[in-house]
Amino acid sequence: MKVYGEGEWKVRTHGVGKRRMWRKLHLGVDEGTGEILAAVVTTNDMADCEILADLLEQIQYFSVKN
């Protein structure tokens, strides 16, 4: 996912290159139905294993509500 912001404006206006900001979209998907049960957006430096607890919390909350 590409994030647009001040950096993109500067590149268009002044032609100066800037490092792009990247984000990761981590998804928790029901394997049987393909339904997305959880989603977390992080910076590029976060590993999947660091986000697992957040994804599982969302799935547990979703399961309790239904």
Protein backbone atom coordinates (compact mmCIF):
# COMPACT_ATOMS: atom_id res chain seq x y z
CA MET A 1 0.00 0.00 0.00
CA LYS A 2 1.45 3.36 -0.93
CA VAL A 3 0.94 6.33 1.39
CA TYR A 4 0.55 9.75 -0.18
CA GLY A 5 1.55 12.79 1.77
CA GLU A 6 3.88 15.77 1.83
CA GLY A 7 6.65 13.76 0.22
CA GLU A 8 4.60 13.04 -2.90
CA TRP A 9 3.74 16.74 -3.26
CA LYS A 10 7.42 17.70 -3.03
CA VAL A 11 8.38 15.21 -5.73
CA ARG A 12 5.69 16.53 -8.12
CA THR A 13 6.50 20.19 -7.39
CA HIS A 14 10.28 20.16 -7.11
CA GLY A 15 11.25 16.91 -8.81
CA VAL A 16 13.20 15.81 -5.75
CA GLY A 17 13.16 12.09 -5.06
CA LYS A 18 12.11 10.90 -1.64
CA ARG A 19 11.99 7.47 -0.09
CA ARG A 20 8.55 6.01 -0.29
CA MET A 21 6.63 5.12 2.86
CA TRP A 22 5.30 1.58 2.71
CA ARG A 23 2.71 -0.05 4.92
CA LYS A 24 1.92 -3.72 5.41
CA LEU A 25 -1.61 -5.02 5.55
CA HIS A 26 -1.79 -8.14 7.74
CA LEU A 27 -4.96 -10.20 7.29
CA GLY A 28 -6.55 -13.01 9.30
CA VAL A 29 -8.60 -15.11 6.89
CA ASP A 30 -11.01 -17.99 7.48
CA GLU A 31 -9.45 -20.76 5.43
CA GLY A 32 -12.78 -22.45 4.72
CA THR A 33 -14.84 -19.47 3.61
CA GLY A 34 -12.14 -17.03 2.53
CA GLU A 35 -13.75 -14.38 4.76
CA ILE A 36 -11.42 -11.73 6.21
CA LEU A 37 -11.80 -11.87 10.00
CA ALA A 38 -9.05 -9.47 11.08
CA ALA A 39 -6.88 -6.75 9.59
CA VAL A 40 -3.97 -4.68 10.91
CA VAL A 41 -1.97 -2.05 9.01
CA THR A 42 1.62 -1.54 10.18
CA THR A 43 4.81 0.12 9.08
CA ASN A 44 7.20 -1.78 6.88
CA ASP A 45 9.50 -2.72 9.77
CA MET A 46 6.95 -4.87 11.64
CA ALA A 47 7.18 -8.64 11.20
CA ASP A 48 4.18 -10.93 10.82
CA CYS A 49 4.95 -12.70 14.10
CA GLU A 50 4.76 -9.38 15.97
CA ILE A 51 1.20 -8.77 14.73
CA LEU A 52 -0.23 -12.23 15.33
CA ALA A 53 -1.58 -11.43 18.82
CA ASP A 54 -3.46 -8.38 17.49
CA LEU A 55 -5.02 -10.43 14.70
CA LEU A 56 -6.07 -13.19 17.10
CA GLU A 57 -7.66 -10.65 19.48
CA GLN A 58 -9.79 -9.31 16.64
CA ILE A 59 -10.87 -12.82 15.65
CA GLN A 60 -11.76 -13.74 19.23
CA TYR A 61 -13.78 -10.52 19.61
CA PHE A 62 -15.54 -11.25 16.31
CA SER A 63 -16.34 -14.83 17.38
CA VAL A 64 -17.78 -13.74 20.76
CA LYS A 65 -20.04 -11.12 19.18
CA ASN A 66 -21.50 -13.65 16.72
